[in-house]
Each structure stands twice: as structure tokens, then as C-alpha cells.
PDB file of all heavy atoms in Angstrom:
ATOM      1  N   GLU A   1       0.544   8.367  -3.918  1.00  0.00           N
ATOM      2  CA  GLU A   1       1.379   7.267  -3.824  1.00  0.00           C
ATOM      3  C   GLU A   1       2.270   7.138  -5.141  1.00  0.00           C
ATOM      4  O   GLU A   1       1.856   7.309  -6.177  1.00  0.00           O
ATOM      5  CB  GLU A   1       0.747   5.897  -3.524  1.00  0.00           C
ATOM      6  CG  GLU A   1       0.392   5.740  -2.113  1.00  0.00           C
ATOM      7  CD  GLU A   1       1.511   5.624  -1.097  1.00  0.00           C
ATOM      8  OE1 GLU A   1       2.738   5.217  -1.447  1.00  0.00           O
ATOM      9  OE2 GLU A   1       1.270   6.025   0.152  1.00  0.00           O
ATOM     10  N   ILE A   2       3.556   6.788  -4.963  1.00  0.00           N
ATOM     11  CA  ILE A   2       4.470   6.348  -6.015  1.00  0.00           C
ATOM     12  C   ILE A   2       4.662   4.886  -5.969  1.00  0.00           C
ATOM     13  O   ILE A   2       5.160   4.392  -4.891  1.00  0.00           O
ATOM     14  CB  ILE A   2       5.781   7.141  -5.894  1.00  0.00           C
ATOM     15  CG1 ILE A   2       5.652   8.629  -6.009  1.00  0.00           C
ATOM     16  CG2 ILE A   2       6.780   6.647  -7.115  1.00  0.00           C
ATOM     17  CD1 ILE A   2       6.826   9.455  -5.660  1.00  0.00           C
ATOM     18  N   ALA A   3       4.197   4.186  -6.991  1.00  0.00           N
ATOM     19  CA  ALA A   3       4.199   2.691  -6.872  1.00  0.00           C
ATOM     20  C   ALA A   3       5.632   2.149  -6.861  1.00  0.00           C
ATOM     21  O   ALA A   3       6.511   2.621  -7.445  1.00  0.00           O
ATOM     22  CB  ALA A   3       3.552   2.159  -8.228  1.00  0.00           C
ATOM     23  N   GLY A   4       5.686   1.197  -5.931  1.00  0.00           N
ATOM     24  CA  GLY A   4       6.935   0.365  -5.733  1.00  0.00           C
ATOM     25  C   GLY A   4       8.112   1.012  -5.137  1.00  0.00           C
ATOM     26  O   GLY A   4       9.234   0.334  -5.188  1.00  0.00           O
ATOM     27  N   ASN A   5       8.019   2.114  -4.436  1.00  0.00           N
ATOM     28  CA  ASN A   5       9.180   2.769  -3.981  1.00  0.00           C
ATOM     29  C   ASN A   5       9.352   2.452  -2.358  1.00  0.00           C
ATOM     30  O   ASN A   5      10.316   2.985  -1.765  1.00  0.00           O
ATOM     31  CB  ASN A   5       9.146   4.345  -4.173  1.00  0.00           C
ATOM     32  CG  ASN A   5       8.025   5.047  -3.316  1.00  0.00           C
ATOM     33  OD1 ASN A   5       7.261   4.401  -2.681  1.00  0.00           O
ATOM     34  ND2 ASN A   5       8.070   6.375  -3.470  1.00  0.00           N
ATOM     35  N   GLY A   6       8.444   1.675  -1.837  1.00  0.00           N
ATOM     36  CA  GLY A   6       8.532   1.253  -0.558  1.00  0.00           C
ATOM     37  C   GLY A   6       8.305   2.384   0.601  1.00  0.00           C
ATOM     38  O   GLY A   6       8.651   2.230   1.647  1.00  0.00           O
ATOM     39  N   LEU A   7       7.662   3.394   0.044  1.00  0.00           N
ATOM     40  CA  LEU A   7       7.462   4.557   1.032  1.00  0.00           C
ATOM     41  C   LEU A   7       5.976   4.797   1.100  1.00  0.00           C
ATOM     42  O   LEU A   7       5.194   4.547   0.255  1.00  0.00           O
ATOM     43  CB  LEU A   7       8.237   5.793   0.507  1.00  0.00           C
ATOM     44  CG  LEU A   7       9.705   5.805   0.411  1.00  0.00           C
ATOM     45  CD1 LEU A   7      10.150   7.029  -0.319  1.00  0.00           C
ATOM     46  CD2 LEU A   7      10.340   5.532   1.795  1.00  0.00           C
ATOM     47  N   ASP A   8       5.618   5.390   2.222  1.00  0.00           N
ATOM     48  CA  ASP A   8       4.271   5.919   2.496  1.00  0.00           C
ATOM     49  C   ASP A   8       4.179   7.326   2.051  1.00  0.00           C
ATOM     50  O   ASP A   8       4.266   8.333   2.799  1.00  0.00           O
ATOM     51  CB  ASP A   8       3.877   5.741   3.934  1.00  0.00           C
ATOM     52  CG  ASP A   8       2.516   6.285   4.177  1.00  0.00           C
ATOM     53  OD1 ASP A   8       1.666   6.390   3.231  1.00  0.00           O
ATOM     54  OD2 ASP A   8       2.100   6.376   5.390  1.00  0.00           O
ATOM     55  N   ASP A   9       4.222   7.552   0.675  1.00  0.00           N
ATOM     56  CA  ASP A   9       4.312   8.868   0.041  1.00  0.00           C
ATOM     57  C   ASP A   9       3.195   9.792   0.553  1.00  0.00           C
ATOM     58  O   ASP A   9       3.470  11.018   0.587  1.00  0.00           O
ATOM     59  CB  ASP A   9       4.258   8.874  -1.438  1.00  0.00           C
ATOM     60  CG  ASP A   9       5.352   7.867  -1.944  1.00  0.00           C
ATOM     61  OD1 ASP A   9       6.589   8.246  -1.807  1.00  0.00           O
ATOM     62  OD2 ASP A   9       5.073   6.952  -2.547  1.00  0.00           O
ATOM     63  N   ASP A  10       2.002   9.364   0.834  1.00  0.00           N
ATOM     64  CA  ASP A  10       0.868  10.248   1.145  1.00  0.00           C
ATOM     65  C   ASP A  10       0.637  10.222   2.693  1.00  0.00           C
ATOM     66  O   ASP A  10      -0.266  10.898   3.092  1.00  0.00           O
ATOM     67  CB  ASP A  10      -0.458   9.852   0.458  1.00  0.00           C
ATOM     68  CG  ASP A  10      -0.817   8.439   0.824  1.00  0.00           C
ATOM     69  OD1 ASP A  10      -0.291   7.727   1.662  1.00  0.00           O
ATOM     70  OD2 ASP A  10      -1.916   8.019   0.244  1.00  0.00           O
ATOM     71  N   SER A  11       1.593   9.669   3.360  1.00  0.00           N
ATOM     72  CA  SER A  11       1.500   9.664   4.865  1.00  0.00           C
ATOM     73  C   SER A  11       0.298   9.260   5.548  1.00  0.00           C
ATOM     74  O   SER A  11      -0.257   9.726   6.442  1.00  0.00           O
ATOM     75  CB  SER A  11       1.899  11.092   5.449  1.00  0.00           C
ATOM     76  OG  SER A  11       3.232  11.552   4.932  1.00  0.00           O
ATOM     77  N   ASN A  12      -0.406   8.196   4.913  1.00  0.00           N
ATOM     78  CA  ASN A  12      -1.681   7.830   5.487  1.00  0.00           C
ATOM     79  C   ASN A  12      -1.549   6.487   6.294  1.00  0.00           C
ATOM     80  O   ASN A  12      -2.494   5.985   6.736  1.00  0.00           O
ATOM     81  CB  ASN A  12      -2.700   7.515   4.471  1.00  0.00           C
ATOM     82  CG  ASN A  12      -2.392   6.407   3.412  1.00  0.00           C
ATOM     83  OD1 ASN A  12      -1.266   5.872   3.449  1.00  0.00           O
ATOM     84  ND2 ASN A  12      -3.314   6.055   2.443  1.00  0.00           N
ATOM     85  N   GLY A  13      -0.264   6.104   6.439  1.00  0.00           N
ATOM     86  CA  GLY A  13       0.076   4.841   7.316  1.00  0.00           C
ATOM     87  C   GLY A  13       0.097   3.604   6.443  1.00  0.00           C
ATOM     88  O   GLY A  13       0.292   2.560   7.014  1.00  0.00           O
ATOM     89  N   TYR A  14      -0.092   3.646   5.175  1.00  0.00           N
ATOM     90  CA  TYR A  14       0.041   2.531   4.426  1.00  0.00           C
ATOM     91  C   TYR A  14       0.988   2.640   3.186  1.00  0.00           C
ATOM     92  O   TYR A  14       0.947   3.601   2.366  1.00  0.00           O
ATOM     93  CB  TYR A  14      -1.407   2.226   3.710  1.00  0.00           C
ATOM     94  CG  TYR A  14      -2.438   2.103   4.808  1.00  0.00           C
ATOM     95  CD1 TYR A  14      -3.306   3.372   5.074  1.00  0.00           C
ATOM     96  CD2 TYR A  14      -2.624   1.009   5.574  1.00  0.00           C
ATOM     97  CE1 TYR A  14      -4.230   3.168   6.153  1.00  0.00           C
ATOM     98  CE2 TYR A  14      -3.508   0.964   6.580  1.00  0.00           C
ATOM     99  CZ  TYR A  14      -4.363   2.078   6.727  1.00  0.00           C
ATOM    100  OH  TYR A  14      -5.269   1.971   7.792  1.00  0.00           O
ATOM    101  N   ILE A  15       1.931   1.609   3.037  1.00  0.00           N
ATOM    102  CA  ILE A  15       3.086   1.793   2.203  1.00  0.00           C
ATOM    103  C   ILE A  15       2.694   1.278   0.888  1.00  0.00           C
ATOM    104  O   ILE A  15       2.157   0.257   0.697  1.00  0.00           O
ATOM    105  CB  ILE A  15       4.343   1.042   2.651  1.00  0.00           C
ATOM    106  CG1 ILE A  15       4.764   1.658   3.968  1.00  0.00           C
ATOM    107  CG2 ILE A  15       5.418   0.966   1.589  1.00  0.00           C
ATOM    108  CD1 ILE A  15       5.986   0.887   4.622  1.00  0.00           C
ATOM    109  N   ASP A  16       2.838   2.132  -0.234  1.00  0.00           N
ATOM    110  CA  ASP A  16       2.543   1.794  -1.598  1.00  0.00           C
ATOM    111  C   ASP A  16       1.069   1.283  -1.772  1.00  0.00           C
ATOM    112  O   ASP A  16       0.842   0.433  -2.594  1.00  0.00           O
ATOM    113  CB  ASP A  16       3.555   0.818  -2.173  1.00  0.00           C
ATOM    114  CG  ASP A  16       4.833   1.374  -2.382  1.00  0.00           C
ATOM    115  OD1 ASP A  16       5.015   2.558  -2.524  1.00  0.00           O
ATOM    116  OD2 ASP A  16       5.880   0.461  -2.446  1.00  0.00           O
ATOM    117  N   ASP A  17       0.185   1.970  -1.152  1.00  0.00           N
ATOM    118  CA  ASP A  17      -1.219   1.616  -1.316  1.00  0.00           C
ATOM    119  C   ASP A  17      -1.820   2.318  -2.582  1.00  0.00           C
ATOM    120  O   ASP A  17      -2.551   3.169  -2.569  1.00  0.00           O
ATOM    121  CB  ASP A  17      -2.131   1.970  -0.090  1.00  0.00           C
ATOM    122  CG  ASP A  17      -2.189   3.416   0.202  1.00  0.00           C
ATOM    123  OD1 ASP A  17      -1.078   3.996   0.120  1.00  0.00           O
ATOM    124  OD2 ASP A  17      -3.283   3.921   0.576  1.00  0.00           O
ATOM    125  N   VAL A  18      -1.231   1.938  -3.714  1.00  0.00           N
ATOM    126  CA  VAL A  18      -1.524   2.524  -5.022  1.00  0.00           C
ATOM    127  C   VAL A  18      -2.969   2.268  -5.429  1.00  0.00           C
ATOM    128  O   VAL A  18      -3.654   3.195  -5.983  1.00  0.00           O
ATOM    129  CB  VAL A  18      -0.561   2.004  -6.065  1.00  0.00           C
ATOM    130  CG1 VAL A  18      -0.868   2.569  -7.396  1.00  0.00           C
ATOM    131  CG2 VAL A  18       0.918   2.433  -5.642  1.00  0.00           C
ATOM    132  N   ASN A  19      -3.492   1.005  -5.282  1.00  0.00           N
ATOM    133  CA  ASN A  19      -4.822   0.608  -5.731  1.00  0.00           C
ATOM    134  C   ASN A  19      -5.720   0.376  -4.476  1.00  0.00           C
ATOM    135  O   ASN A  19      -6.918   0.267  -4.684  1.00  0.00           O
ATOM    136  CB  ASN A  19      -4.787  -0.547  -6.640  1.00  0.00           C
ATOM    137  CG  ASN A  19      -4.143  -0.304  -7.941  1.00  0.00           C
ATOM    138  OD1 ASN A  19      -3.154  -0.945  -8.202  1.00  0.00           O
ATOM    139  ND2 ASN A  19      -4.578   0.701  -8.728  1.00  0.00           N
ATOM    140  N   GLY A  20      -5.323   0.314  -3.330  1.00  0.00           N
ATOM    141  CA  GLY A  20      -6.007  -0.144  -2.229  1.00  0.00           C
ATOM    142  C   GLY A  20      -5.112  -0.787  -1.066  1.00  0.00           C
ATOM    143  O   GLY A  20      -3.875  -0.669  -1.212  1.00  0.00           O
ATOM    144  N   TRP A  21      -5.747  -1.363  -0.190  1.00  0.00           N
ATOM    145  CA  TRP A  21      -4.966  -2.047   0.885  1.00  0.00           C
ATOM    146  C   TRP A  21      -5.543  -3.299   1.392  1.00  0.00           C
ATOM    147  O   TRP A  21      -6.709  -3.588   1.318  1.00  0.00           O
ATOM    148  CB  TRP A  21      -4.936  -1.121   2.088  1.00  0.00           C
ATOM    149  CG  TRP A  21      -4.000  -1.501   3.120  1.00  0.00           C
ATOM    150  CD1 TRP A  21      -4.194  -2.032   4.388  1.00  0.00           C
ATOM    151  CD2 TRP A  21      -2.520  -1.376   3.020  1.00  0.00           C
ATOM    152  NE1 TRP A  21      -2.977  -2.355   5.076  1.00  0.00           N
ATOM    153  CE2 TRP A  21      -1.937  -1.922   4.232  1.00  0.00           C
ATOM    154  CE3 TRP A  21      -1.709  -0.975   1.983  1.00  0.00           C
ATOM    155  CZ2 TRP A  21      -0.678  -2.026   4.386  1.00  0.00           C
ATOM    156  CZ3 TRP A  21      -0.199  -1.103   2.216  1.00  0.00           C
ATOM    157  CH2 TRP A  21       0.259  -1.592   3.449  1.00  0.00           C
ATOM    158  N   ASN A  22      -4.600  -4.271   1.797  1.00  0.00           N
ATOM    159  CA  ASN A  22      -4.973  -5.618   2.189  1.00  0.00           C
ATOM    160  C   ASN A  22      -4.869  -5.518   3.795  1.00  0.00           C
ATOM    161  O   ASN A  22      -3.695  -5.579   4.395  1.00  0.00           O
ATOM    162  CB  ASN A  22      -4.049  -6.619   1.616  1.00  0.00           C
ATOM    163  CG  ASN A  22      -4.270  -8.052   2.145  1.00  0.00           C
ATOM    164  OD1 ASN A  22      -4.651  -8.308   3.234  1.00  0.00           O
ATOM    165  ND2 ASN A  22      -3.674  -8.965   1.396  1.00  0.00           N
ATOM    166  N   PHE A  23      -6.013  -5.545   4.463  1.00  0.00           N
ATOM    167  CA  PHE A  23      -5.940  -5.600   5.987  1.00  0.00           C
ATOM    168  C   PHE A  23      -5.770  -6.962   6.603  1.00  0.00           C
ATOM    169  O   PHE A  23      -5.489  -7.012   7.685  1.00  0.00           O
ATOM    170  CB  PHE A  23      -7.323  -4.888   6.445  1.00  0.00           C
ATOM    171  CG  PHE A  23      -7.271  -3.387   6.278  1.00  0.00           C
ATOM    172  CD1 PHE A  23      -7.761  -2.803   5.151  1.00  0.00           C
ATOM    173  CD2 PHE A  23      -6.767  -2.599   7.249  1.00  0.00           C
ATOM    174  CE1 PHE A  23      -7.708  -1.467   4.906  1.00  0.00           C
ATOM    175  CE2 PHE A  23      -6.599  -1.151   7.117  1.00  0.00           C
ATOM    176  CZ  PHE A  23      -7.165  -0.605   5.888  1.00  0.00           C
ATOM    177  N   VAL A  24      -5.908  -7.994   5.742  1.00  0.00           N
ATOM    178  CA  VAL A  24      -5.623  -9.328   6.217  1.00  0.00           C
ATOM    179  C   VAL A  24      -4.108  -9.427   6.482  1.00  0.00           C
ATOM    180  O   VAL A  24      -3.546 -10.025   7.461  1.00  0.00           O
ATOM    181  CB  VAL A  24      -6.167 -10.377   5.339  1.00  0.00           C
ATOM    182  CG1 VAL A  24      -5.893 -11.750   5.829  1.00  0.00           C
ATOM    183  CG2 VAL A  24      -7.732 -10.256   5.218  1.00  0.00           C
ATOM    184  N   ALA A  25      -3.328  -9.040   5.484  1.00  0.00           N
ATOM    185  CA  ALA A  25      -1.836  -9.291   5.415  1.00  0.00           C
ATOM    186  C   ALA A  25      -1.182  -8.061   5.725  1.00  0.00           C
ATOM    187  O   ALA A  25       0.090  -8.036   5.723  1.00  0.00           O
ATOM    188  CB  ALA A  25      -1.400  -9.901   4.149  1.00  0.00           C
ATOM    189  N   ALA A  26      -1.821  -6.917   6.029  1.00  0.00           N
ATOM    190  CA  ALA A  26      -1.158  -5.591   6.272  1.00  0.00           C
ATOM    191  C   ALA A  26      -0.210  -5.269   5.174  1.00  0.00           C
ATOM    192  O   ALA A  26       0.904  -5.020   5.412  1.00  0.00           O
ATOM    193  CB  ALA A  26      -0.601  -5.580   7.620  1.00  0.00           C
ATOM    194  N   SER A  27      -0.597  -5.387   3.951  1.00  0.00           N
ATOM    195  CA  SER A  27       0.254  -5.133   2.712  1.00  0.00           C
ATOM    196  C   SER A  27      -0.605  -4.602   1.630  1.00  0.00           C
ATOM    197  O   SER A  27      -1.882  -4.416   1.692  1.00  0.00           O
ATOM    198  CB  SER A  27       0.777  -6.534   2.259  1.00  0.00           C
ATOM    199  OG  SER A  27      -0.109  -7.191   1.602  1.00  0.00           O
ATOM    200  N   ASN A  28       0.017  -4.226   0.529  1.00  0.00           N
ATOM    201  CA  ASN A  28      -0.710  -3.713  -0.647  1.00  0.00           C
ATOM    202  C   ASN A  28      -0.949  -4.825  -1.528  1.00  0.00           C
ATOM    203  O   ASN A  28      -1.400  -4.613  -2.812  1.00  0.00           O
ATOM    204  CB  ASN A  28       0.170  -2.558  -1.380  1.00  0.00           C
ATOM    205  CG  ASN A  28       1.515  -3.015  -2.051  1.00  0.00           C
ATOM    206  OD1 ASN A  28       1.887  -4.266  -1.831  1.00  0.00           O
ATOM    207  ND2 ASN A  28       2.231  -2.150  -2.507  1.00  0.00           N
ATOM    208  N   ASP A  29      -0.772  -6.092  -1.119  1.00  0.00           N
ATOM    209  CA  ASP A  29      -1.150  -7.229  -2.081  1.00  0.00           C
ATOM    210  C   ASP A  29      -2.688  -7.423  -2.087  1.00  0.00           C
ATOM    211  O   ASP A  29      -3.227  -8.005  -1.086  1.00  0.00           O
ATOM    212  CB  ASP A  29      -0.432  -8.427  -1.605  1.00  0.00           C
ATOM    213  CG  ASP A  29      -0.774  -9.740  -2.405  1.00  0.00           C
ATOM    214  OD1 ASP A  29      -1.487  -9.632  -3.405  1.00  0.00           O
ATOM    215  OD2 ASP A  29      -0.333 -10.790  -2.002  1.00  0.00           O
ATOM    216  N   LEU A  30      -3.326  -7.072  -3.194  1.00  0.00           N
ATOM    217  CA  LEU A  30      -4.676  -7.178  -3.279  1.00  0.00           C
ATOM    218  C   LEU A  30      -5.287  -8.309  -4.002  1.00  0.00           C
ATOM    219  O   LEU A  30      -6.457  -8.446  -4.268  1.00  0.00           O
ATOM    220  CB  LEU A  30      -5.184  -5.844  -3.907  1.00  0.00           C
ATOM    221  CG  LEU A  30      -4.900  -4.487  -3.188  1.00  0.00           C
ATOM    222  CD1 LEU A  30      -5.119  -3.359  -4.062  1.00  0.00           C
ATOM    223  CD2 LEU A  30      -5.752  -4.476  -1.928  1.00  0.00           C
ATOM    224  N   TRP A  31      -4.407  -9.254  -4.253  1.00  0.00           N
ATOM    225  CA  TRP A  31      -4.708 -10.423  -5.121  1.00  0.00           C
ATOM    226  C   TRP A  31      -5.857 -11.216  -4.488  1.00  0.00           C
ATOM    227  O   TRP A  31      -5.902 -11.559  -3.243  1.00  0.00           O
ATOM    228  CB  TRP A  31      -3.511 -11.395  -5.358  1.00  0.00           C
ATOM    229  CG  TRP A  31      -3.871 -12.408  -6.325  1.00  0.00           C
ATOM    230  CD1 TRP A  31      -4.149 -13.702  -6.084  1.00  0.00           C
ATOM    231  CD2 TRP A  31      -4.212 -12.287  -7.642  1.00  0.00           C
ATOM    232  NE1 TRP A  31      -4.586 -14.307  -7.194  1.00  0.00           N
ATOM    233  CE2 TRP A  31      -4.519 -13.513  -8.206  1.00  0.00           C
ATOM    234  CE3 TRP A  31      -4.195 -11.194  -8.537  1.00  0.00           C
ATOM    235  CZ2 TRP A  31      -4.914 -13.747  -9.640  1.00  0.00           C
ATOM    236  CZ3 TRP A  31      -4.501 -11.299  -9.837  1.00  0.00           C
ATOM    237  CH2 TRP A  31      -4.946 -12.626 -10.513  1.00  0.00           C
ATOM    238  N   ASP A  32      -6.891 -11.488  -5.213  1.00  0.00           N
ATOM    239  CA  ASP A  32      -8.116 -12.192  -4.683  1.00  0.00           C
ATOM    240  C   ASP A  32      -7.768 -13.768  -4.708  1.00  0.00           C
ATOM    241  O   ASP A  32      -7.513 -14.309  -5.786  1.00  0.00           O
ATOM    242  CB  ASP A  32      -9.257 -11.966  -5.662  1.00  0.00           C
ATOM    243  CG  ASP A  32     -10.519 -12.517  -5.197  1.00  0.00           C
ATOM    244  OD1 ASP A  32     -10.614 -13.153  -4.198  1.00  0.00           O
ATOM    245  OD2 ASP A  32     -11.550 -12.191  -5.894  1.00  0.00           O
TER     246      ASP A  32
END
């Protein structure tokens, strides 16, 4: 992944999942 480019660079179905994924909000926002 390339951080912050708004693309799913690795084609795994998750956009900008640089550090992980948030399945509650379907986003890369991992804030606790």
C-alpha cells in the first residue's frame, strides 16, 4: 500500500490499509 493515495494498491479490496483495517466503519481509521 501507498499511504494516503486513496487507492487499493495491493488489490486486496481495502483502500489504504497501511497498518490494518476497520471492519466496523469499513475504513482504514484504526483509532481506538
